[in-house]
């Protein structure tokens, strides 16, 4: 059988074969044959903070020039709330796309299932700059159409701050021992999602939308990392 011209045999075997049990010491397989494509699927764990710190500051500066402090704070909070909604539905609706066909099985593995097989793989723990940048541009377009040029910047700042908090919560869930009650609670919820029930606890930085859409689990985590 001829090899796929773009995808590696390793990722096809992993995606189309029996679902592997999570392995905390494993690394996800290479996805693409071309080194450049493969490199674009990996990111250093610190890259979100280095990439988005300056844009967040710029968005806040643009917002401060157009709004007083109370309205600025309200818009930033609104952007954060929108992010928690986006985070929830991306995870539930896209990352956990039902693998009902071979093409969907491969897509879902590359998008997210690899993370359930190798949950501690640092190279694929955070969103790549290409992915997070595309999402930021999409949100900017939505905010421009929905709220106007002046409001879009603080809204985007709030969403980007929410995104940074999401990445931090996810990192701490897999590679840390949070010391705060909030951090421990978020970590417990994410461990439940990995080791007890993949159909629940889709929100990583907030339980809000799991409560709203009744996907919040109260079961204990089956395993610690």
N, C-alpha and C. Protein backbone atom coordinates (compact mmCIF):
# COMPACT_ATOMS: atom_id res chain seq x y z
N UNK A 1 0.83 -1.20 0.00
CA UNK A 1 0.00 0.00 0.00
C UNK A 1 0.88 1.26 0.00
N UNK A 2 0.59 2.19 -0.91
CA UNK A 2 1.40 3.40 -1.02
C UNK A 2 1.23 4.29 0.20
N UNK A 3 2.31 4.94 0.59
CA UNK A 3 2.24 5.86 1.71
C UNK A 3 1.49 7.12 1.32
N UNK A 4 0.91 7.77 2.31
CA UNK A 4 0.22 9.03 2.05
C UNK A 4 1.26 10.09 1.68
N UNK A 5 0.97 10.93 0.69
CA UNK A 5 1.99 11.90 0.24
C UNK A 5 2.28 13.01 1.25
N UNK A 6 1.36 13.25 2.17
CA UNK A 6 1.52 14.36 3.12
C UNK A 6 1.65 13.87 4.55
N UNK A 7 0.78 12.96 4.96
CA UNK A 7 0.74 12.49 6.35
C UNK A 7 1.69 11.31 6.55
N UNK A 8 2.22 11.21 7.76
CA UNK A 8 3.14 10.11 8.08
C UNK A 8 2.36 8.82 8.34
N UNK A 9 3.04 7.70 8.16
CA UNK A 9 2.43 6.42 8.48
C UNK A 9 2.11 6.35 9.97
N UNK A 10 2.96 6.96 10.80
CA UNK A 10 2.76 6.89 12.25
C UNK A 10 1.45 7.55 12.67
N UNK A 11 1.13 8.71 12.10
CA UNK A 11 -0.10 9.38 12.50
C UNK A 11 -1.31 8.65 11.94
N UNK A 12 -1.20 8.07 10.75
CA UNK A 12 -2.32 7.31 10.20
C UNK A 12 -2.59 6.06 11.03
N UNK A 13 -1.53 5.38 11.44
CA UNK A 13 -1.70 4.20 12.29
C UNK A 13 -2.36 4.57 13.61
N UNK A 14 -1.89 5.67 14.20
CA UNK A 14 -2.45 6.10 15.49
C UNK A 14 -3.89 6.55 15.36
N UNK A 15 -4.20 7.24 14.28
CA UNK A 15 -5.54 7.79 14.10
C UNK A 15 -6.56 6.74 13.72
N UNK A 16 -6.16 5.78 12.89
CA UNK A 16 -7.11 4.79 12.36
C UNK A 16 -7.11 3.48 13.13
N UNK A 17 -6.11 3.29 13.98
CA UNK A 17 -6.04 2.06 14.76
C UNK A 17 -6.86 2.16 16.04
N UNK A 18 -6.78 1.13 16.88
CA UNK A 18 -7.49 1.16 18.17
C UNK A 18 -7.04 2.36 19.01
N UNK A 19 -7.97 2.91 19.74
CA UNK A 19 -7.66 4.08 20.58
C UNK A 19 -6.69 3.68 21.69
N UNK A 20 -5.56 4.35 21.74
CA UNK A 20 -4.55 4.03 22.74
C UNK A 20 -4.92 4.62 24.09
N UNK A 21 -4.46 3.96 25.14
CA UNK A 21 -4.64 4.50 26.49
C UNK A 21 -3.69 5.69 26.68
N UNK A 22 -4.10 6.66 27.49
CA UNK A 22 -3.20 7.81 27.73
C UNK A 22 -1.88 7.35 28.33
N UNK A 23 -0.80 7.90 27.81
CA UNK A 23 0.54 7.59 28.29
C UNK A 23 1.22 8.91 28.65
N UNK A 24 1.45 9.11 29.95
CA UNK A 24 1.99 10.38 30.41
C UNK A 24 3.44 10.60 29.99
N UNK A 25 4.12 9.55 29.57
CA UNK A 25 5.51 9.67 29.14
C UNK A 25 5.66 9.69 27.62
N UNK A 26 4.56 9.57 26.91
CA UNK A 26 4.62 9.46 25.45
C UNK A 26 4.66 10.82 24.78
N UNK A 27 5.17 10.83 23.57
CA UNK A 27 5.09 11.99 22.69
C UNK A 27 4.17 11.64 21.53
N UNK A 28 3.44 12.60 21.04
CA UNK A 28 2.56 12.34 19.92
C UNK A 28 3.39 12.08 18.67
N UNK A 29 2.89 11.29 17.73
CA UNK A 29 3.68 10.96 16.54
C UNK A 29 3.82 12.16 15.61
N UNK A 30 4.82 12.16 14.75
CA UNK A 30 4.89 13.22 13.74
C UNK A 30 3.69 13.14 12.81
N UNK A 31 3.15 14.30 12.46
CA UNK A 31 1.94 14.35 11.63
C UNK A 31 2.27 14.40 10.13
N UNK A 32 3.23 15.23 9.77
CA UNK A 32 3.47 15.52 8.36
C UNK A 32 4.87 15.09 7.91
N UNK A 33 4.98 14.72 6.66
CA UNK A 33 6.26 14.30 6.10
C UNK A 33 7.20 15.49 5.90
N UNK A 34 6.65 16.63 5.54
CA UNK A 34 7.50 17.79 5.29
C UNK A 34 7.88 18.46 6.62
N UNK A 35 9.16 18.69 6.85
CA UNK A 35 9.61 19.27 8.12
C UNK A 35 8.95 20.61 8.46
N UNK A 36 8.73 21.47 7.45
CA UNK A 36 8.11 22.76 7.72
C UNK A 36 6.68 22.59 8.22
N UNK A 37 5.91 21.74 7.56
CA UNK A 37 4.53 21.50 8.00
C UNK A 37 4.53 20.94 9.41
N UNK A 38 5.43 19.99 9.66
CA UNK A 38 5.49 19.38 10.99
C UNK A 38 5.87 20.41 12.05
N UNK A 39 6.79 21.29 11.71
CA UNK A 39 7.22 22.31 12.69
C UNK A 39 6.07 23.24 13.05
N UNK A 40 5.18 23.50 12.11
CA UNK A 40 4.05 24.39 12.36
C UNK A 40 3.01 23.78 13.29
N UNK A 41 3.10 22.48 13.57
CA UNK A 41 2.17 21.83 14.49
C UNK A 41 2.69 21.81 15.93
N UNK A 42 3.88 22.35 16.13
CA UNK A 42 4.50 22.32 17.46
C UNK A 42 4.79 23.74 17.93
N UNK A 43 4.76 23.94 19.25
CA UNK A 43 5.02 25.26 19.81
C UNK A 43 5.63 25.12 21.20
N UNK A 44 6.53 26.00 21.53
CA UNK A 44 7.10 26.03 22.88
C UNK A 44 6.02 26.47 23.86
N UNK A 45 6.06 25.91 25.07
CA UNK A 45 5.00 26.18 26.05
C UNK A 45 4.92 27.67 26.41
N UNK A 46 6.02 28.41 26.28
CA UNK A 46 6.01 29.83 26.64
C UNK A 46 5.59 30.74 25.49
N UNK A 47 5.39 30.19 24.31
CA UNK A 47 5.14 31.04 23.14
C UNK A 47 3.87 31.90 23.24
N UNK A 48 2.76 31.42 23.83
CA UNK A 48 1.58 32.30 23.90
C UNK A 48 1.83 33.58 24.68
N UNK A 49 2.59 33.49 25.77
CA UNK A 49 2.83 34.66 26.61
C UNK A 49 3.77 35.65 25.91
N UNK A 50 4.77 35.12 25.23
CA UNK A 50 5.70 35.98 24.50
C UNK A 50 5.03 36.62 23.29
N UNK A 51 4.17 35.87 22.64
CA UNK A 51 3.53 36.35 21.41
C UNK A 51 2.47 37.39 21.68
N UNK A 52 1.67 37.23 22.74
CA UNK A 52 0.47 38.04 22.91
C UNK A 52 0.57 39.13 23.96
N UNK A 53 1.66 39.21 24.69
CA UNK A 53 1.79 40.26 25.72
C UNK A 53 1.72 41.65 25.08
N UNK A 54 2.49 41.88 24.03
CA UNK A 54 2.51 43.20 23.38
C UNK A 54 1.19 43.52 22.69
N UNK A 55 0.57 42.61 21.93
CA UNK A 55 -0.74 42.91 21.35
C UNK A 55 -1.81 43.24 22.38
N UNK A 56 -1.78 42.54 23.52
CA UNK A 56 -2.76 42.85 24.58
C UNK A 56 -2.55 44.28 25.08
N UNK A 57 -1.29 44.66 25.33
CA UNK A 57 -0.99 46.02 25.78
C UNK A 57 -1.43 47.04 24.74
N UNK A 58 -1.20 46.75 23.46
CA UNK A 58 -1.59 47.68 22.40
C UNK A 58 -3.10 47.82 22.33
N UNK A 59 -3.83 46.71 22.44
CA UNK A 59 -5.30 46.76 22.42
C UNK A 59 -5.84 47.58 23.58
N UNK A 60 -5.23 47.42 24.76
CA UNK A 60 -5.67 48.20 25.92
C UNK A 60 -5.36 49.68 25.72
N UNK A 61 -4.22 49.98 25.12
CA UNK A 61 -3.87 51.39 24.86
C UNK A 61 -4.85 52.01 23.87
N UNK A 62 -5.20 51.30 22.80
CA UNK A 62 -6.17 51.80 21.84
C UNK A 62 -7.53 52.01 22.52
N UNK A 63 -7.90 51.06 23.37
CA UNK A 63 -9.18 51.17 24.07
C UNK A 63 -9.21 52.32 25.05
N UNK A 64 -8.09 52.54 25.74
CA UNK A 64 -8.03 53.63 26.72
C UNK A 64 -8.17 54.99 26.05
N UNK A 65 -7.78 55.08 24.79
CA UNK A 65 -7.91 56.35 24.09
C UNK A 65 -9.33 56.65 23.65
N UNK A 66 -10.21 55.65 23.69
CA UNK A 66 -11.58 55.84 23.20
C UNK A 66 -12.65 55.69 24.27
N UNK A 67 -12.28 55.16 25.45
CA UNK A 67 -13.29 54.88 26.47
C UNK A 67 -12.79 55.31 27.84
N UNK A 68 -13.72 55.67 28.72
CA UNK A 68 -13.34 55.93 30.09
C UNK A 68 -13.09 54.59 30.79
N UNK A 69 -12.53 54.65 32.00
CA UNK A 69 -12.08 53.44 32.67
C UNK A 69 -13.20 52.45 32.95
N UNK A 70 -14.38 52.89 33.45
CA UNK A 70 -15.44 51.90 33.70
C UNK A 70 -15.89 51.17 32.43
N UNK A 71 -16.06 51.91 31.33
CA UNK A 71 -16.48 51.27 30.10
C UNK A 71 -15.36 50.38 29.54
N UNK A 72 -14.13 50.81 29.68
CA UNK A 72 -13.01 50.00 29.23
C UNK A 72 -12.99 48.66 29.99
N UNK A 73 -13.15 48.73 31.30
CA UNK A 73 -13.15 47.51 32.12
C UNK A 73 -14.31 46.60 31.73
N UNK A 74 -15.47 47.19 31.46
CA UNK A 74 -16.64 46.40 31.08
C UNK A 74 -16.41 45.68 29.75
N UNK A 75 -15.82 46.38 28.80
CA UNK A 75 -15.55 45.77 27.49
C UNK A 75 -14.51 44.66 27.60
N UNK A 76 -13.47 44.89 28.40
CA UNK A 76 -12.46 43.86 28.60
C UNK A 76 -13.09 42.62 29.24
N UNK A 77 -13.93 42.83 30.25
CA UNK A 77 -14.61 41.71 30.89
C UNK A 77 -15.52 40.99 29.90
N UNK A 78 -16.18 41.76 29.02
CA UNK A 78 -17.03 41.15 28.01
C UNK A 78 -16.22 40.30 27.04
N UNK A 79 -15.05 40.78 26.64
CA UNK A 79 -14.19 40.00 25.77
C UNK A 79 -13.72 38.71 26.42
N UNK A 80 -13.42 38.78 27.71
CA UNK A 80 -13.03 37.58 28.46
C UNK A 80 -14.19 36.58 28.48
N UNK A 81 -15.41 37.06 28.74
CA UNK A 81 -16.57 36.18 28.76
C UNK A 81 -16.78 35.50 27.40
N UNK A 82 -16.62 36.27 26.34
CA UNK A 82 -16.74 35.69 25.00
C UNK A 82 -15.69 34.60 24.81
N UNK A 83 -14.47 34.85 25.29
CA UNK A 83 -13.44 33.84 25.15
C UNK A 83 -13.84 32.53 25.82
N UNK A 84 -14.40 32.58 27.04
CA UNK A 84 -14.76 31.35 27.73
C UNK A 84 -15.79 30.57 26.92
N UNK A 85 -16.69 31.28 26.22
CA UNK A 85 -17.67 30.63 25.37
C UNK A 85 -16.99 29.98 24.16
N UNK A 86 -16.08 30.71 23.53
CA UNK A 86 -15.35 30.19 22.38
C UNK A 86 -14.52 28.97 22.79
N UNK A 87 -13.83 29.08 23.91
CA UNK A 87 -13.02 27.98 24.42
C UNK A 87 -13.86 26.72 24.61
N UNK A 88 -15.01 26.88 25.24
CA UNK A 88 -15.88 25.74 25.50
C UNK A 88 -16.33 25.07 24.22
N UNK A 89 -16.84 25.86 23.26
CA UNK A 89 -17.41 25.27 22.06
C UNK A 89 -16.35 24.77 21.09
N UNK A 90 -15.18 25.39 21.06
CA UNK A 90 -14.09 24.83 20.27
C UNK A 90 -13.72 23.45 20.79
N UNK A 91 -13.61 23.33 22.10
CA UNK A 91 -13.23 22.05 22.70
C UNK A 91 -14.32 21.01 22.49
N UNK A 92 -15.55 21.37 22.77
CA UNK A 92 -16.64 20.41 22.68
C UNK A 92 -17.02 20.08 21.24
N UNK A 93 -17.18 21.11 20.41
CA UNK A 93 -17.73 20.90 19.08
C UNK A 93 -16.72 20.58 18.01
N UNK A 94 -15.48 21.09 18.15
CA UNK A 94 -14.48 20.89 17.09
C UNK A 94 -13.39 19.92 17.54
N UNK A 95 -12.81 20.15 18.70
CA UNK A 95 -11.75 19.26 19.16
C UNK A 95 -12.26 17.83 19.36
N UNK A 96 -13.51 17.71 19.81
CA UNK A 96 -14.09 16.38 20.02
C UNK A 96 -15.06 16.04 18.91
N UNK A 97 -14.68 16.38 17.70
CA UNK A 97 -15.44 16.01 16.51
C UNK A 97 -15.61 14.50 16.47
N UNK A 98 -16.86 14.04 16.29
CA UNK A 98 -17.13 12.61 16.29
C UNK A 98 -16.38 11.92 15.15
N UNK A 99 -15.49 10.97 15.44
CA UNK A 99 -14.69 10.32 14.39
C UNK A 99 -15.48 9.21 13.70
N UNK A 100 -16.46 9.59 12.89
CA UNK A 100 -17.38 8.63 12.28
C UNK A 100 -16.91 8.10 10.93
N UNK A 101 -15.91 8.71 10.33
CA UNK A 101 -15.35 8.26 9.06
C UNK A 101 -13.83 8.27 9.17
N UNK A 102 -13.12 7.57 8.27
CA UNK A 102 -11.65 7.61 8.34
C UNK A 102 -11.09 9.02 8.26
N UNK A 103 -11.66 9.86 7.39
CA UNK A 103 -11.16 11.23 7.28
C UNK A 103 -11.37 11.99 8.59
N UNK A 104 -12.53 11.78 9.22
CA UNK A 104 -12.78 12.44 10.51
C UNK A 104 -11.88 11.88 11.60
N UNK A 105 -11.60 10.60 11.54
CA UNK A 105 -10.70 10.02 12.55
C UNK A 105 -9.31 10.64 12.46
N UNK A 106 -8.83 10.81 11.25
CA UNK A 106 -7.51 11.42 11.09
C UNK A 106 -7.55 12.89 11.51
N UNK A 107 -8.60 13.60 11.06
CA UNK A 107 -8.71 15.02 11.42
C UNK A 107 -8.81 15.20 12.92
N UNK A 108 -9.66 14.41 13.57
CA UNK A 108 -9.84 14.57 15.02
C UNK A 108 -8.58 14.21 15.78
N UNK A 109 -7.81 13.25 15.26
CA UNK A 109 -6.55 12.90 15.94
C UNK A 109 -5.55 14.03 15.84
N UNK A 110 -5.41 14.59 14.65
CA UNK A 110 -4.45 15.69 14.47
C UNK A 110 -4.88 16.92 15.25
N UNK A 111 -6.19 17.20 15.27
CA UNK A 111 -6.69 18.39 15.95
C UNK A 111 -6.58 18.25 17.47
N UNK A 112 -6.96 17.06 18.01
CA UNK A 112 -7.02 16.99 19.47
C UNK A 112 -6.81 15.61 20.08
N UNK A 113 -7.22 14.54 19.41
CA UNK A 113 -7.14 13.23 20.06
C UNK A 113 -5.71 12.85 20.42
N UNK A 114 -4.74 13.35 19.67
CA UNK A 114 -3.35 13.07 20.04
C UNK A 114 -3.04 13.54 21.46
N UNK A 115 -3.72 14.61 21.88
CA UNK A 115 -3.48 15.14 23.23
C UNK A 115 -4.01 14.18 24.30
N UNK A 116 -5.04 13.43 23.99
CA UNK A 116 -5.54 12.45 24.94
C UNK A 116 -4.66 11.21 24.98
N UNK A 117 -3.96 10.93 23.89
CA UNK A 117 -3.03 9.80 23.86
C UNK A 117 -1.73 10.16 24.57
N UNK A 118 -1.23 11.38 24.34
CA UNK A 118 0.03 11.84 24.95
C UNK A 118 -0.22 13.17 25.64
N UNK A 119 -0.94 13.16 26.77
CA UNK A 119 -1.39 14.43 27.38
C UNK A 119 -0.28 15.32 27.91
N UNK A 120 0.90 14.77 28.16
CA UNK A 120 1.98 15.59 28.72
C UNK A 120 3.02 16.00 27.68
N UNK A 121 2.73 15.81 26.42
CA UNK A 121 3.65 16.19 25.35
C UNK A 121 3.76 17.71 25.31
N UNK A 122 4.89 18.24 25.74
CA UNK A 122 5.07 19.70 25.85
C UNK A 122 5.05 20.38 24.49
N UNK A 123 5.50 19.68 23.45
CA UNK A 123 5.57 20.32 22.13
C UNK A 123 4.21 20.59 21.52
N UNK A 124 3.19 19.91 22.00
CA UNK A 124 1.85 20.11 21.45
C UNK A 124 0.85 20.39 22.56
N UNK A 125 1.30 21.13 23.56
CA UNK A 125 0.43 21.46 24.69
C UNK A 125 -0.29 22.78 24.50
N UNK A 126 0.34 23.73 23.84
CA UNK A 126 -0.26 25.05 23.63
C UNK A 126 -0.57 25.23 22.16
N UNK A 127 -1.45 26.18 21.87
CA UNK A 127 -1.80 26.47 20.48
C UNK A 127 -0.59 27.05 19.75
N UNK A 128 -0.46 26.70 18.49
CA UNK A 128 0.62 27.25 17.69
C UNK A 128 0.32 28.72 17.37
N UNK A 129 1.34 29.52 17.08
CA UNK A 129 1.08 30.92 16.69
C UNK A 129 0.15 31.04 15.49
N UNK A 130 0.25 30.11 14.54
CA UNK A 130 -0.63 30.15 13.38
C UNK A 130 -2.08 29.97 13.79
N UNK A 131 -2.32 29.05 14.69
CA UNK A 131 -3.69 28.78 15.14
C UNK A 131 -4.23 29.93 15.99
N UNK A 132 -3.48 30.35 17.00
CA UNK A 132 -3.97 31.41 17.88
C UNK A 132 -4.08 32.74 17.12
N UNK A 133 -3.15 32.98 16.18
CA UNK A 133 -3.23 34.20 15.39
C UNK A 133 -4.46 34.23 14.49
N UNK A 134 -4.78 33.10 13.87
CA UNK A 134 -5.98 33.02 13.05
C UNK A 134 -7.23 33.25 13.86
N UNK A 135 -7.28 32.67 15.05
CA UNK A 135 -8.44 32.84 15.91
C UNK A 135 -8.58 34.30 16.37
N UNK A 136 -7.44 34.94 16.68
CA UNK A 136 -7.47 36.35 17.09
C UNK A 136 -7.99 37.24 15.96
N UNK A 137 -7.56 36.97 14.74
CA UNK A 137 -8.05 37.76 13.60
C UNK A 137 -9.54 37.54 13.38
N UNK A 138 -10.00 36.31 13.56
CA UNK A 138 -11.43 36.03 13.42
C UNK A 138 -12.24 36.79 14.47
N UNK A 139 -11.77 36.77 15.72
CA UNK A 139 -12.46 37.51 16.78
C UNK A 139 -12.45 39.01 16.51
N UNK A 140 -11.33 39.51 16.01
CA UNK A 140 -11.25 40.94 15.69
C UNK A 140 -12.28 41.30 14.64
N UNK A 141 -12.43 40.47 13.62
CA UNK A 141 -13.44 40.73 12.59
C UNK A 141 -14.85 40.70 13.15
N UNK A 142 -15.13 39.73 14.01
CA UNK A 142 -16.46 39.63 14.62
C UNK A 142 -16.73 40.85 15.49
N UNK A 143 -15.76 41.24 16.30
CA UNK A 143 -15.95 42.40 17.17
C UNK A 143 -16.13 43.69 16.37
N UNK A 144 -15.41 43.81 15.27
CA UNK A 144 -15.55 45.00 14.43
C UNK A 144 -16.96 45.11 13.88
N UNK A 145 -17.49 43.99 13.39
CA UNK A 145 -18.85 43.99 12.83
C UNK A 145 -19.91 44.16 13.90
N UNK A 146 -19.69 43.54 15.05
CA UNK A 146 -20.73 43.52 16.08
C UNK A 146 -20.70 44.74 16.99
N UNK A 147 -19.52 45.30 17.26
CA UNK A 147 -19.41 46.36 18.26
C UNK A 147 -18.79 47.64 17.74
N UNK A 148 -18.18 47.61 16.56
CA UNK A 148 -17.61 48.83 16.00
C UNK A 148 -16.12 48.95 16.23
N UNK A 149 -15.46 49.86 15.51
CA UNK A 149 -14.00 49.99 15.58
C UNK A 149 -13.47 50.37 16.96
N UNK A 150 -14.20 51.19 17.70
CA UNK A 150 -13.68 51.64 18.99
C UNK A 150 -13.74 50.55 20.05
N UNK A 151 -14.83 49.77 20.03
CA UNK A 151 -15.02 48.75 21.06
C UNK A 151 -14.24 47.47 20.77
N UNK A 152 -13.81 47.28 19.53
CA UNK A 152 -13.19 46.01 19.19
C UNK A 152 -11.88 45.77 19.93
N UNK A 153 -11.14 46.85 20.20
CA UNK A 153 -9.82 46.66 20.82
C UNK A 153 -9.90 46.17 22.25
N UNK A 154 -10.68 46.83 23.13
CA UNK A 154 -10.77 46.27 24.49
C UNK A 154 -11.44 44.91 24.53
N UNK A 155 -12.40 44.66 23.62
CA UNK A 155 -13.00 43.33 23.56
C UNK A 155 -11.95 42.28 23.20
N UNK A 156 -11.12 42.60 22.21
CA UNK A 156 -10.07 41.66 21.82
C UNK A 156 -9.05 41.49 22.94
N UNK A 157 -8.73 42.58 23.63
CA UNK A 157 -7.80 42.48 24.76
C UNK A 157 -8.34 41.50 25.81
N UNK A 158 -9.63 41.62 26.13
CA UNK A 158 -10.22 40.71 27.10
C UNK A 158 -10.18 39.27 26.64
N UNK A 159 -10.45 39.04 25.36
CA UNK A 159 -10.41 37.67 24.84
C UNK A 159 -8.99 37.12 24.87
N UNK A 160 -8.01 37.96 24.54
CA UNK A 160 -6.62 37.50 24.55
C UNK A 160 -6.13 37.23 25.98
N UNK A 161 -6.57 38.05 26.93
CA UNK A 161 -6.23 37.77 28.33
C UNK A 161 -6.88 36.46 28.75
N UNK A 162 -8.13 36.24 28.35
CA UNK A 162 -8.79 34.97 28.64
C UNK A 162 -8.05 33.80 28.02
N UNK A 163 -7.57 33.98 26.79
CA UNK A 163 -6.80 32.93 26.12
C UNK A 163 -5.51 32.62 26.89
N UNK A 164 -4.82 33.66 27.33
CA UNK A 164 -3.59 33.45 28.09
C UNK A 164 -3.87 32.69 29.38
N UNK A 165 -4.96 33.05 30.05
CA UNK A 165 -5.32 32.35 31.28
C UNK A 165 -5.67 30.89 30.98
N UNK A 166 -6.32 30.65 29.85
CA UNK A 166 -6.64 29.28 29.42
C UNK A 166 -5.35 28.47 29.24
N UNK A 167 -4.38 29.05 28.53
CA UNK A 167 -3.13 28.33 28.31
C UNK A 167 -2.40 28.07 29.63
N UNK A 168 -2.44 29.05 30.53
CA UNK A 168 -1.78 28.88 31.82
C UNK A 168 -2.47 27.79 32.63
N UNK A 169 -3.81 27.78 32.65
CA UNK A 169 -4.54 26.75 33.39
C UNK A 169 -4.26 25.37 32.81
N UNK A 170 -4.18 25.29 31.49
CA UNK A 170 -3.90 24.01 30.84
C UNK A 170 -2.49 23.53 31.14
N UNK A 171 -1.53 24.45 31.09
CA UNK A 171 -0.15 24.10 31.42
C UNK A 171 -0.03 23.62 32.86
N UNK A 172 -0.67 24.32 33.78
CA UNK A 172 -0.59 23.95 35.19
C UNK A 172 -1.30 22.62 35.46
N UNK A 173 -2.33 22.32 34.67
CA UNK A 173 -3.03 21.05 34.85
C UNK A 173 -2.13 19.88 34.49
N UNK A 174 -1.28 20.05 33.49
CA UNK A 174 -0.44 18.95 33.01
C UNK A 174 0.97 18.97 33.58
N UNK A 175 1.47 20.13 33.94
CA UNK A 175 2.85 20.23 34.37
C UNK A 175 2.99 21.13 35.58
N UNK A 176 2.19 20.91 36.57
CA UNK A 176 2.30 21.73 37.77
C UNK A 176 1.43 21.21 38.89
N UNK A 177 1.61 21.81 40.03
CA UNK A 177 0.78 21.52 41.19
C UNK A 177 0.25 22.87 41.70
N UNK A 178 -0.89 23.32 41.20
CA UNK A 178 -1.40 24.64 41.60
C UNK A 178 -1.53 24.76 43.11
N UNK A 179 -1.22 25.94 43.62
CA UNK A 179 -1.28 26.17 45.07
C UNK A 179 -2.57 26.86 45.50
N UNK A 180 -3.27 27.48 44.56
CA UNK A 180 -4.51 28.17 44.92
C UNK A 180 -5.69 27.22 44.80
N UNK A 181 -6.77 27.53 45.51
CA UNK A 181 -7.97 26.70 45.44
C UNK A 181 -8.54 26.68 44.03
N UNK A 182 -8.51 27.86 43.36
CA UNK A 182 -9.02 27.92 41.99
C UNK A 182 -8.18 27.05 41.06
N UNK A 183 -6.86 27.15 41.17
CA UNK A 183 -5.98 26.36 40.33
C UNK A 183 -6.18 24.87 40.54
N UNK A 184 -6.34 24.45 41.79
CA UNK A 184 -6.54 23.03 42.08
C UNK A 184 -7.88 22.55 41.53
N UNK A 185 -8.91 23.39 41.65
CA UNK A 185 -10.22 23.02 41.13
C UNK A 185 -10.21 22.87 39.61
N UNK A 186 -9.55 23.81 38.92
CA UNK A 186 -9.46 23.72 37.46
C UNK A 186 -8.67 22.49 37.04
N UNK A 187 -7.64 22.19 37.78
CA UNK A 187 -6.83 21.01 37.45
C UNK A 187 -7.62 19.73 37.64
N UNK A 188 -8.36 19.63 38.75
CA UNK A 188 -9.18 18.44 38.99
C UNK A 188 -10.18 18.23 37.86
N UNK A 189 -10.80 19.32 37.41
CA UNK A 189 -11.78 19.21 36.33
C UNK A 189 -11.13 18.72 35.04
N UNK A 190 -9.95 19.23 34.75
CA UNK A 190 -9.30 18.81 33.51
C UNK A 190 -8.83 17.36 33.59
N UNK A 191 -8.40 16.93 34.76
CA UNK A 191 -8.03 15.53 34.92
C UNK A 191 -9.25 14.62 34.74
N UNK A 192 -10.39 15.06 35.23
CA UNK A 192 -11.61 14.26 34.99
C UNK A 192 -11.88 14.12 33.50
N UNK A 193 -11.69 15.21 32.76
CA UNK A 193 -11.94 15.16 31.33
C UNK A 193 -11.00 14.16 30.65
N UNK A 194 -9.75 14.11 31.09
CA UNK A 194 -8.79 13.20 30.47
C UNK A 194 -8.99 11.75 30.89
N UNK A 195 -9.23 11.51 32.17
CA UNK A 195 -9.13 10.15 32.69
C UNK A 195 -10.44 9.54 33.15
N UNK A 196 -11.50 10.33 33.20
CA UNK A 196 -12.77 9.79 33.68
C UNK A 196 -13.88 9.90 32.65
N UNK A 197 -14.05 11.08 32.05
CA UNK A 197 -15.18 11.28 31.14
C UNK A 197 -14.83 12.33 30.10
N UNK A 198 -14.52 11.88 28.88
CA UNK A 198 -14.19 12.82 27.81
C UNK A 198 -15.41 13.59 27.32
N UNK A 199 -16.58 13.18 27.72
CA UNK A 199 -17.79 13.87 27.31
C UNK A 199 -18.24 14.94 28.27
N UNK A 200 -17.37 15.35 29.18
CA UNK A 200 -17.72 16.37 30.17
C UNK A 200 -16.51 17.25 30.44
N UNK A 201 -16.77 18.36 31.14
CA UNK A 201 -15.71 19.28 31.57
C UNK A 201 -14.88 19.80 30.40
N UNK A 202 -15.55 20.42 29.44
CA UNK A 202 -14.86 20.95 28.27
C UNK A 202 -14.22 22.31 28.54
N UNK A 203 -14.76 23.06 29.47
CA UNK A 203 -14.14 24.34 29.82
C UNK A 203 -12.89 24.11 30.64
N UNK A 204 -11.78 24.70 30.24
CA UNK A 204 -10.52 24.51 30.94
C UNK A 204 -10.23 25.66 31.89
N UNK A 205 -10.50 26.88 31.46
CA UNK A 205 -10.23 28.04 32.31
C UNK A 205 -11.44 28.45 33.13
N UNK A 206 -12.60 27.87 32.85
CA UNK A 206 -13.82 28.24 33.57
C UNK A 206 -14.84 27.12 33.46
N UNK A 207 -15.58 26.84 34.55
CA UNK A 207 -16.66 25.84 34.49
C UNK A 207 -17.99 26.42 34.04
N UNK A 208 -18.04 27.72 33.72
CA UNK A 208 -19.31 28.41 33.47
C UNK A 208 -20.17 27.70 32.44
N UNK A 209 -19.63 27.46 31.26
CA UNK A 209 -20.47 26.93 30.18
C UNK A 209 -20.74 25.44 30.34
N UNK A 210 -19.89 24.73 31.08
CA UNK A 210 -20.24 23.36 31.44
C UNK A 210 -21.48 23.34 32.34
N UNK A 211 -21.58 24.31 33.24
CA UNK A 211 -22.77 24.42 34.08
C UNK A 211 -23.99 24.81 33.26
N UNK A 212 -23.82 25.76 32.35
CA UNK A 212 -24.94 26.22 31.53
C UNK A 212 -25.45 25.10 30.64
N UNK A 213 -24.55 24.35 30.01
CA UNK A 213 -24.96 23.33 29.04
C UNK A 213 -24.95 21.92 29.63
N UNK A 214 -24.83 21.83 30.94
CA UNK A 214 -24.98 20.58 31.67
C UNK A 214 -23.95 19.53 31.26
N UNK A 215 -22.74 19.95 31.09
CA UNK A 215 -21.65 19.01 30.84
C UNK A 215 -20.63 19.04 31.99
N UNK A 216 -21.04 19.57 33.12
CA UNK A 216 -20.17 19.62 34.30
C UNK A 216 -20.25 18.28 35.02
N UNK A 217 -19.10 17.68 35.28
CA UNK A 217 -19.06 16.39 35.96
C UNK A 217 -18.65 16.58 37.42
N UNK A 218 -19.28 15.84 38.29
CA UNK A 218 -18.91 15.86 39.71
C UNK A 218 -18.16 14.60 40.12
N UNK A 219 -17.86 13.75 39.15
CA UNK A 219 -17.14 12.52 39.44
C UNK A 219 -15.69 12.83 39.79
N UNK A 220 -15.07 12.04 40.67
CA UNK A 220 -13.68 12.29 41.01
C UNK A 220 -12.75 11.92 39.86
N UNK A 221 -11.60 12.55 39.83
CA UNK A 221 -10.60 12.22 38.81
C UNK A 221 -10.13 10.79 39.05
N UNK A 222 -10.04 10.01 37.97
CA UNK A 222 -9.65 8.62 38.10
C UNK A 222 -8.15 8.45 38.29
N UNK A 223 -7.41 9.46 37.89
CA UNK A 223 -5.96 9.33 37.90
C UNK A 223 -5.33 10.69 38.03
N UNK A 224 -4.23 10.77 38.71
CA UNK A 224 -3.49 12.02 38.81
C UNK A 224 -2.33 11.98 37.85
N UNK A 225 -1.83 13.13 37.50
CA UNK A 225 -0.69 13.21 36.57
C UNK A 225 0.59 13.43 37.36
